[in-house]
């Protein structure tokens, strides 16, 4: 990654954060919780730009402009809202599950090889 790319990425992130800070307080609170949730369980490509997070801000800006409450936009189960957004994306949990299965398969192969 070039320095120019890093600088450009920081500029994009700062602009994104400024958009979040311009949202009404209830939207900001829910956005921050969504962000935490997605960073913990979300898609592997979440940090590649701000595509998904930017889309959420777009949705929130539209909802706020229409005078809707944030839970009218997301529904009362915010985690389910997040899960629906990432349902077709590979997550860190998927990668971890794959690695656990690979380790178990290796260990089982060693056991069966010893029995032969």
Protein backbone atom coordinates (compact mmCIF):
# COMPACT_ATOMS: atom_id res chain seq x y z
CA UNK A 1 0.00 0.00 0.00
CA UNK A 2 1.37 3.37 -0.98
CA UNK A 3 1.46 6.38 1.29
CA UNK A 4 -0.92 8.18 -1.05
CA UNK A 5 -3.45 5.34 -0.62
CA UNK A 6 -3.15 5.56 3.17
CA UNK A 7 -3.66 9.33 3.13
CA UNK A 8 -6.63 9.02 0.78
CA UNK A 9 -8.13 6.31 2.98
CA UNK A 10 -7.80 8.53 6.04
CA UNK A 11 -9.47 11.41 4.21
CA UNK A 12 -12.37 9.15 3.21
CA UNK A 13 -12.71 7.85 6.77
CA UNK A 14 -12.71 11.38 8.24
CA UNK A 15 -15.42 12.43 5.78
CA UNK A 16 -17.40 9.34 6.74
CA UNK A 17 -17.07 10.11 10.46
CA UNK A 18 -18.19 13.69 9.80
CA UNK A 19 -21.34 12.37 8.12
CA UNK A 20 -22.05 10.17 11.14
CA UNK A 21 -21.57 13.10 13.52
CA UNK A 22 -24.08 15.13 11.49
CA UNK A 23 -26.81 12.53 12.13
CA UNK A 24 -29.35 12.98 14.95
CA UNK A 25 -28.19 11.60 18.32
CA UNK A 26 -30.33 8.44 18.21
CA UNK A 27 -28.97 7.57 14.77
CA UNK A 28 -25.40 8.13 15.97
CA UNK A 29 -25.91 5.78 18.92
CA UNK A 30 -27.34 3.00 16.76
CA UNK A 31 -24.68 3.54 14.06
CA UNK A 32 -21.89 3.13 16.63
CA UNK A 33 -23.46 -0.09 17.91
CA UNK A 34 -23.83 -1.38 14.36
CA UNK A 35 -20.22 -0.50 13.66
CA UNK A 36 -19.04 -2.36 16.78
CA UNK A 37 -21.16 -5.37 15.88
CA UNK A 38 -19.89 -5.49 12.31
CA UNK A 39 -16.27 -5.11 13.37
CA UNK A 40 -16.67 -8.09 15.72
CA UNK A 41 -18.69 -10.50 13.59
CA UNK A 42 -18.94 -8.81 10.26
CA UNK A 43 -17.63 -9.45 6.81
CA UNK A 44 -13.95 -9.85 6.13
CA UNK A 45 -14.07 -7.12 3.49
CA UNK A 46 -15.65 -4.55 5.82
CA UNK A 47 -12.38 -2.64 6.13
CA UNK A 48 -11.96 -2.40 2.34
CA UNK A 49 -13.16 1.15 2.07
CA UNK A 50 -16.37 2.21 3.75
CA UNK A 51 -18.88 0.67 1.30
CA UNK A 52 -21.22 -1.09 3.72
CA UNK A 53 -20.82 1.50 6.47
CA UNK A 54 -21.33 4.30 3.97
CA UNK A 55 -24.50 2.63 2.75
CA UNK A 56 -25.78 2.52 6.32
CA UNK A 57 -25.07 6.24 6.71
CA UNK A 58 -26.91 6.89 3.42
CA UNK A 59 -29.90 4.96 4.75
CA UNK A 60 -29.76 6.80 8.08
CA UNK A 61 -29.49 10.22 6.41
CA UNK A 62 -32.55 9.39 4.33
CA UNK A 63 -34.49 8.18 7.37
CA UNK A 64 -33.56 11.26 9.38
CA UNK A 65 -34.55 13.54 6.48
CA UNK A 66 -37.97 11.86 6.43
CA UNK A 67 -38.33 12.43 10.18
CA UNK A 68 -38.25 8.72 11.03
CA UNK A 69 -36.81 7.40 14.25
CA UNK A 70 -33.75 5.21 13.83
CA UNK A 71 -35.56 2.05 14.97
CA UNK A 72 -38.21 2.73 12.33
CA UNK A 73 -35.37 2.37 9.82
CA UNK A 74 -33.55 -0.63 11.31
CA UNK A 75 -36.33 -2.37 13.20
CA UNK A 76 -36.13 -3.05 16.93
CA UNK A 77 -33.65 -5.95 16.51
CA UNK A 78 -30.57 -4.09 15.33
CA UNK A 79 -28.39 -7.24 15.37
CA UNK A 80 -30.85 -8.97 13.02
CA UNK A 81 -30.69 -5.88 10.78
CA UNK A 82 -26.90 -6.25 10.68
CA UNK A 83 -27.09 -9.98 10.05
CA UNK A 84 -29.38 -9.38 7.10
CA UNK A 85 -26.89 -6.87 5.64
CA UNK A 86 -24.03 -9.36 5.75
CA UNK A 87 -25.89 -12.62 5.14
CA UNK A 88 -24.09 -13.33 1.85
CA UNK A 89 -20.65 -12.16 2.98
CA UNK A 90 -17.79 -14.25 4.32
CA UNK A 91 -17.29 -13.38 7.99
CA UNK A 92 -14.47 -13.80 10.47
CA UNK A 93 -16.61 -16.43 12.18
CA UNK A 94 -16.71 -18.39 8.91
CA UNK A 95 -12.92 -18.28 8.65
CA UNK A 96 -12.54 -19.40 12.25
CA UNK A 97 -14.98 -22.27 11.77
CA UNK A 98 -13.05 -23.38 8.69
CA UNK A 99 -9.76 -23.34 10.57
CA UNK A 100 -11.23 -25.34 13.47
CA UNK A 101 -12.61 -27.94 11.04
CA UNK A 102 -9.24 -28.17 9.27
CA UNK A 103 -7.43 -28.73 12.58
CA UNK A 104 -9.90 -31.41 13.64
CA UNK A 105 -9.59 -33.14 10.27
CA UNK A 106 -5.77 -33.10 10.52
CA UNK A 107 -5.87 -34.52 14.04
CA UNK A 108 -8.34 -37.23 13.05
CA UNK A 109 -6.21 -38.18 10.06
CA UNK A 110 -3.17 -38.59 12.33
CA UNK A 111 -5.19 -40.82 14.65
CA UNK A 112 -6.46 -43.01 11.84
CA UNK A 113 -2.98 -43.20 10.25
CA UNK A 114 -1.53 -44.43 13.57
CA UNK A 115 -4.16 -47.16 13.78
CA UNK A 116 -3.14 -48.58 10.41
